[in-house]
Amino acid sequence: MLLHALSTCITTDEIDASRSFYVQHFGARVVFDCGWYINLTIGKSASLQFMEPQGGQENAIPKA
């Protein structure tokens, strides 16, 4: 089995900081942004999503 794509979603209150970090340091491109959810692509086959907690979800990345 070959891996053709990789995608993960991280829950965080730091959507803007996450977007900025991956765009600046990894050359990510914003594909979708509705404020509480963003979809970034990195290279040809990797995507990364960040979303604000919904309905009592915990943050995957705690605030510093």
PDB file of N, CA and C in Angstrom:
ATOM      1  N   MET A   1       0.836  -1.168   0.000  1.00  0.00           N
ATOM      2  CA  MET A   1       0.000   0.000   0.000  1.00  0.00           C
ATOM      3  C   MET A   1       0.889   1.243   0.000  1.00  0.00           C
ATOM      4  N   LEU A   2       0.612   2.167  -0.913  1.00  0.00           N
ATOM      5  CA  LEU A   2       1.350   3.420  -0.997  1.00  0.00           C
ATOM      6  C   LEU A   2       0.535   4.549  -0.395  1.00  0.00           C
ATOM      7  N   LEU A   3       1.208   5.419   0.313  1.00  0.00           N
ATOM      8  CA  LEU A   3       0.566   6.603   0.869  1.00  0.00           C
ATOM      9  C   LEU A   3       0.613   7.712  -0.172  1.00  0.00           C
ATOM     10  N   HIS A   4      -0.556   8.215  -0.568  1.00  0.00           N
ATOM     11  CA  HIS A   4      -0.621   9.264  -1.586  1.00  0.00           C
ATOM     12  C   HIS A   4      -0.945  10.626  -1.005  1.00  0.00           C
ATOM     13  N   ALA A   5      -1.476  10.669   0.193  1.00  0.00           N
ATOM     14  CA  ALA A   5      -1.824  11.944   0.814  1.00  0.00           C
ATOM     15  C   ALA A   5      -1.772  11.792   2.325  1.00  0.00           C
ATOM     16  N   LEU A   6      -1.553  12.911   2.987  1.00  0.00           N
ATOM     17  CA  LEU A   6      -1.508  12.938   4.443  1.00  0.00           C
ATOM     18  C   LEU A   6      -2.288  14.153   4.899  1.00  0.00           C
ATOM     19  N   SER A   7      -3.188  13.960   5.865  1.00  0.00           N
ATOM     20  CA  SER A   7      -4.011  15.055   6.351  1.00  0.00           C
ATOM     21  C   SER A   7      -4.299  14.857   7.831  1.00  0.00           C
ATOM     22  N   THR A   8      -4.213  15.933   8.585  1.00  0.00           N
ATOM     23  CA  THR A   8      -4.540  15.872  10.000  1.00  0.00           C
ATOM     24  C   THR A   8      -5.245  17.160  10.410  1.00  0.00           C
ATOM     25  N   CYS A   9      -6.042  17.092  11.465  1.00  0.00           N
ATOM     26  CA  CYS A   9      -6.753  18.272  11.961  1.00  0.00           C
ATOM     27  C   CYS A   9      -6.420  18.443  13.444  1.00  0.00           C
ATOM     28  N   ILE A  10      -6.015  19.646  13.804  1.00  0.00           N
ATOM     29  CA  ILE A  10      -5.630  19.967  15.173  1.00  0.00           C
ATOM     30  C   ILE A  10      -6.618  20.988  15.732  1.00  0.00           C
ATOM     31  N   THR A  11      -7.112  20.729  16.929  1.00  0.00           N
ATOM     32  CA  THR A  11      -8.041  21.636  17.599  1.00  0.00           C
ATOM     33  C   THR A  11      -7.255  22.609  18.465  1.00  0.00           C
ATOM     34  N   THR A  12      -7.456  23.912  18.238  1.00  0.00           N
ATOM     35  CA  THR A  12      -6.726  24.934  18.975  1.00  0.00           C
ATOM     36  C   THR A  12      -7.487  26.263  18.966  1.00  0.00           C
ATOM     37  N   ASP A  13      -7.270  27.076  19.975  1.00  0.00           N
ATOM     38  CA  ASP A  13      -7.803  28.434  20.005  1.00  0.00           C
ATOM     39  C   ASP A  13      -6.896  29.404  19.250  1.00  0.00           C
ATOM     40  N   GLU A  14      -5.753  28.925  18.803  1.00  0.00           N
ATOM     41  CA  GLU A  14      -4.738  29.776  18.171  1.00  0.00           C
ATOM     42  C   GLU A  14      -4.725  29.587  16.650  1.00  0.00           C
ATOM     43  N   ILE A  15      -5.865  29.783  16.004  1.00  0.00           N
ATOM     44  CA  ILE A  15      -5.981  29.599  14.555  1.00  0.00           C
ATOM     45  C   ILE A  15      -5.043  30.557  13.803  1.00  0.00           C
ATOM     46  N   ASP A  16      -5.087  31.841  14.135  1.00  0.00           N
ATOM     47  CA  ASP A  16      -4.273  32.832  13.425  1.00  0.00           C
ATOM     48  C   ASP A  16      -2.783  32.559  13.583  1.00  0.00           C
ATOM     49  N   ALA A  17      -2.354  32.253  14.787  1.00  0.00           N
ATOM     50  CA  ALA A  17      -0.937  31.968  15.036  1.00  0.00           C
ATOM     51  C   ALA A  17      -0.501  30.693  14.318  1.00  0.00           C
ATOM     52  N   SER A  18      -1.366  29.689  14.289  1.00  0.00           N
ATOM     53  CA  SER A  18      -1.047  28.437  13.601  1.00  0.00           C
ATOM     54  C   SER A  18      -0.888  28.680  12.104  1.00  0.00           C
ATOM     55  N   ARG A  19      -1.835  29.435  11.517  1.00  0.00           N
ATOM     56  CA  ARG A  19      -1.756  29.765  10.087  1.00  0.00           C
ATOM     57  C   ARG A  19      -0.449  30.478   9.786  1.00  0.00           C
ATOM     58  N   SER A  20      -0.151  31.523  10.549  1.00  0.00           N
ATOM     59  CA  SER A  20       1.060  32.312  10.319  1.00  0.00           C
ATOM     60  C   SER A  20       2.321  31.468  10.410  1.00  0.00           C
ATOM     61  N   PHE A  21       2.387  30.607  11.418  1.00  0.00           N
ATOM     62  CA  PHE A  21       3.564  29.774  11.613  1.00  0.00           C
ATOM     63  C   PHE A  21       3.815  28.861  10.415  1.00  0.00           C
ATOM     64  N   TYR A  22       2.790  28.141   9.973  1.00  0.00           N
ATOM     65  CA  TYR A  22       2.974  27.187   8.883  1.00  0.00           C
ATOM     66  C   TYR A  22       3.176  27.868   7.533  1.00  0.00           C
ATOM     67  N   VAL A  23       2.571  29.017   7.329  1.00  0.00           N
ATOM     68  CA  VAL A  23       2.795  29.767   6.089  1.00  0.00           C
ATOM     69  C   VAL A  23       4.230  30.288   6.063  1.00  0.00           C
ATOM     70  N   GLN A  24       4.666  30.879   7.173  1.00  0.00           N
ATOM     71  CA  GLN A  24       6.007  31.472   7.225  1.00  0.00           C
ATOM     72  C   GLN A  24       7.121  30.433   7.199  1.00  0.00           C
ATOM     73  N   HIS A  25       7.017  29.375   7.994  1.00  0.00           N
ATOM     74  CA  HIS A  25       8.133  28.446   8.166  1.00  0.00           C
ATOM     75  C   HIS A  25       8.102  27.235   7.238  1.00  0.00           C
ATOM     76  N   PHE A  26       6.941  26.885   6.710  1.00  0.00           N
ATOM     77  CA  PHE A  26       6.844  25.705   5.860  1.00  0.00           C
ATOM     78  C   PHE A  26       6.305  26.007   4.468  1.00  0.00           C
ATOM     79  N   GLY A  27       6.049  27.277   4.182  1.00  0.00           N
ATOM     80  CA  GLY A  27       5.535  27.646   2.870  1.00  0.00           C
ATOM     81  C   GLY A  27       4.141  27.113   2.594  1.00  0.00           C
ATOM     82  N   ALA A  28       3.357  26.907   3.649  1.00  0.00           N
ATOM     83  CA  ALA A  28       1.996  26.390   3.485  1.00  0.00           C
ATOM     84  C   ALA A  28       1.150  27.399   2.723  1.00  0.00           C
ATOM     85  N   ARG A  29       0.156  26.880   2.027  1.00  0.00           N
ATOM     86  CA  ARG A  29      -0.780  27.711   1.273  1.00  0.00           C
ATOM     87  C   ARG A  29      -2.167  27.522   1.873  1.00  0.00           C
ATOM     88  N   VAL A  30      -2.857  28.626   2.130  1.00  0.00           N
ATOM     89  CA  VAL A  30      -4.208  28.569   2.691  1.00  0.00           C
ATOM     90  C   VAL A  30      -5.181  28.210   1.571  1.00  0.00           C
ATOM     91  N   VAL A  31      -5.883  27.080   1.736  1.00  0.00           N
ATOM     92  CA  VAL A  31      -6.843  26.614   0.750  1.00  0.00           C
ATOM     93  C   VAL A  31      -8.256  27.027   1.141  1.00  0.00           C
ATOM     94  N   PHE A  32      -8.533  27.026   2.444  1.00  0.00           N
ATOM     95  CA  PHE A  32      -9.859  27.370   2.941  1.00  0.00           C
ATOM     96  C   PHE A  32      -9.692  28.033   4.297  1.00  0.00           C
ATOM     97  N   ASP A  33     -10.457  29.097   4.536  1.00  0.00           N
ATOM     98  CA  ASP A  33     -10.405  29.806   5.817  1.00  0.00           C
ATOM     99  C   ASP A  33     -11.773  30.424   6.093  1.00  0.00           C
ATOM    100  N   CYS A  34     -12.477  29.890   7.101  1.00  0.00           N
ATOM    101  CA  CYS A  34     -13.768  30.476   7.473  1.00  0.00           C
ATOM    102  C   CYS A  34     -13.698  31.076   8.878  1.00  0.00           C
ATOM    103  N   GLY A  35     -12.484  31.321   9.354  1.00  0.00           N
ATOM    104  CA  GLY A  35     -12.310  31.946  10.661  1.00  0.00           C
ATOM    105  C   GLY A  35     -12.071  30.950  11.778  1.00  0.00           C
ATOM    106  N   TRP A  36     -12.978  30.000  11.968  1.00  0.00           N
ATOM    107  CA  TRP A  36     -12.831  29.012  13.049  1.00  0.00           C
ATOM    108  C   TRP A  36     -12.213  27.704  12.536  1.00  0.00           C
ATOM    109  N   TYR A  37     -12.055  27.593  11.222  1.00  0.00           N
ATOM    110  CA  TYR A  37     -11.481  26.392  10.596  1.00  0.00           C
ATOM    111  C   TYR A  37     -10.650  26.813   9.401  1.00  0.00           C
ATOM    112  N   ILE A  38      -9.421  26.296   9.303  1.00  0.00           N
ATOM    113  CA  ILE A  38      -8.579  26.572   8.137  1.00  0.00           C
ATOM    114  C   ILE A  38      -8.016  25.265   7.592  1.00  0.00           C
ATOM    115  N   ASN A  39      -7.786  25.259   6.291  1.00  0.00           N
ATOM    116  CA  ASN A  39      -7.179  24.119   5.613  1.00  0.00           C
ATOM    117  C   ASN A  39      -5.950  24.641   4.885  1.00  0.00           C
ATOM    118  N   LEU A  40      -4.796  24.071   5.186  1.00  0.00           N
ATOM    119  CA  LEU A  40      -3.532  24.459   4.577  1.00  0.00           C
ATOM    120  C   LEU A  40      -2.982  23.287   3.775  1.00  0.00           C
ATOM    121  N   THR A  41      -2.282  23.582   2.685  1.00  0.00           N
ATOM    122  CA  THR A  41      -1.547  22.540   1.970  1.00  0.00           C
ATOM    123  C   THR A  41      -0.071  22.852   2.047  1.00  0.00           C
ATOM    124  N   ILE A  42       0.707  21.791   2.134  1.00  0.00           N
ATOM    125  CA  ILE A  42       2.159  21.904   2.162  1.00  0.00           C
ATOM    126  C   ILE A  42       2.681  20.937   1.109  1.00  0.00           C
ATOM    127  N   GLY A  43       3.356  21.465   0.112  1.00  0.00           N
ATOM    128  CA  GLY A  43       3.843  20.622  -0.966  1.00  0.00           C
ATOM    129  C   GLY A  43       2.692  20.104  -1.820  1.00  0.00           C
ATOM    130  N   LYS A  44       2.886  18.898  -2.368  1.00  0.00           N
ATOM    131  CA  LYS A  44       1.896  18.337  -3.290  1.00  0.00           C
ATOM    132  C   LYS A  44       0.891  17.401  -2.635  1.00  0.00           C
ATOM    133  N   SER A  45       1.234  16.810  -1.494  1.00  0.00           N
ATOM    134  CA  SER A  45       0.336  15.781  -0.969  1.00  0.00           C
ATOM    135  C   SER A  45      -0.004  15.887   0.512  1.00  0.00           C
ATOM    136  N   ALA A  46       0.468  16.925   1.180  1.00  0.00           N
ATOM    137  CA  ALA A  46       0.172  17.056   2.608  1.00  0.00           C
ATOM    138  C   ALA A  46      -0.807  18.200   2.849  1.00  0.00           C
ATOM    139  N   SER A  47      -1.768  17.967   3.712  1.00  0.00           N
ATOM    140  CA  SER A  47      -2.663  19.043   4.121  1.00  0.00           C
ATOM    141  C   SER A  47      -2.784  19.014   5.632  1.00  0.00           C
ATOM    142  N   LEU A  48      -3.064  20.159   6.175  1.00  0.00           N
ATOM    143  CA  LEU A  48      -3.136  20.320   7.621  1.00  0.00           C
ATOM    144  C   LEU A  48      -4.308  21.237   7.913  1.00  0.00           C
ATOM    145  N   GLN A  49      -5.164  20.827   8.848  1.00  0.00           N
ATOM    146  CA  GLN A  49      -6.312  21.629   9.218  1.00  0.00           C
ATOM    147  C   GLN A  49      -6.210  22.011  10.693  1.00  0.00           C
ATOM    148  N   PHE A  50      -6.704  23.212  10.984  1.00  0.00           N
ATOM    149  CA  PHE A  50      -6.816  23.684  12.356  1.00  0.00           C
ATOM    150  C   PHE A  50      -8.244  24.138  12.562  1.00  0.00           C
ATOM    151  N   MET A  51      -8.817  23.801  13.706  1.00  0.00           N
ATOM    152  CA  MET A  51     -10.171  24.242  14.006  1.00  0.00           C
ATOM    153  C   MET A  51     -10.283  24.629  15.474  1.00  0.00           C
ATOM    154  N   GLU A  52     -11.127  25.618  15.750  1.00  0.00           N
ATOM    155  CA  GLU A  52     -11.403  25.997  17.128  1.00  0.00           C
ATOM    156  C   GLU A  52     -12.277  24.921  17.761  1.00  0.00           C
ATOM    157  N   PRO A  53     -12.146  24.712  19.069  1.00  0.00           N
ATOM    158  CA  PRO A  53     -12.971  23.712  19.757  1.00  0.00           C
ATOM    159  C   PRO A  53     -14.457  23.962  19.541  1.00  0.00           C
ATOM    160  N   GLN A  54     -15.208  22.915  19.373  1.00  0.00           N
ATOM    161  CA  GLN A  54     -16.646  22.990  19.147  1.00  0.00           C
ATOM    162  C   GLN A  54     -17.357  22.116  20.177  1.00  0.00           C
ATOM    163  N   GLY A  55     -18.417  22.591  20.749  1.00  0.00           N
ATOM    164  CA  GLY A  55     -19.267  21.788  21.615  1.00  0.00           C
ATOM    165  C   GLY A  55     -18.568  21.063  22.753  1.00  0.00           C
ATOM    166  N   GLY A  56     -17.702  21.757  23.477  1.00  0.00           N
ATOM    167  CA  GLY A  56     -17.061  21.159  24.638  1.00  0.00           C
ATOM    168  C   GLY A  56     -15.774  20.399  24.346  1.00  0.00           C
ATOM    169  N   GLN A  57     -15.289  20.420  23.098  1.00  0.00           N
ATOM    170  CA  GLN A  57     -14.025  19.760  22.768  1.00  0.00           C
ATOM    171  C   GLN A  57     -12.877  20.415  23.526  1.00  0.00           C
ATOM    172  N   GLU A  58     -11.859  19.632  23.771  1.00  0.00           N
ATOM    173  CA  GLU A  58     -10.632  20.143  24.382  1.00  0.00           C
ATOM    174  C   GLU A  58      -9.672  20.587  23.291  1.00  0.00           C
ATOM    175  N   ASN A  59      -8.757  21.503  23.625  1.00  0.00           N
ATOM    176  CA  ASN A  59      -7.709  21.906  22.711  1.00  0.00           C
ATOM    177  C   ASN A  59      -6.651  20.818  22.636  1.00  0.00           C
ATOM    178  N   ALA A  60      -6.165  20.549  21.427  1.00  0.00           N
ATOM    179  CA  ALA A  60      -5.046  19.625  21.264  1.00  0.00           C
ATOM    180  C   ALA A  60      -3.743  20.304  21.661  1.00  0.00           C
ATOM    181  N   ILE A  61      -3.689  21.625  21.456  1.00  0.00           N
ATOM    182  CA  ILE A  61      -2.501  22.394  21.796  1.00  0.00           C
ATOM    183  C   ILE A  61      -2.882  23.368  22.908  1.00  0.00           C
ATOM    184  N   PRO A  62      -2.431  23.105  24.134  1.00  0.00           N
ATOM    185  CA  PRO A  62      -2.806  24.002  25.243  1.00  0.00           C
ATOM    186  C   PRO A  62      -2.159  25.374  25.075  1.00  0.00           C
ATOM    187  N   LYS A  63      -2.820  26.402  25.601  1.00  0.00           N
ATOM    188  CA  LYS A  63      -2.269  27.754  25.576  1.00  0.00           C
ATOM    189  C   LYS A  63      -1.052  27.815  26.475  1.00  0.00           C
ATOM    190  N   ALA A  64      -0.053  28.599  26.055  1.00  0.00           N
ATOM    191  CA  ALA A  64       1.183  28.735  26.834  1.00  0.00           C
ATOM    192  C   ALA A  64       0.965  29.637  28.020  1.00  0.00           C
TER     193      ALA A  64
END
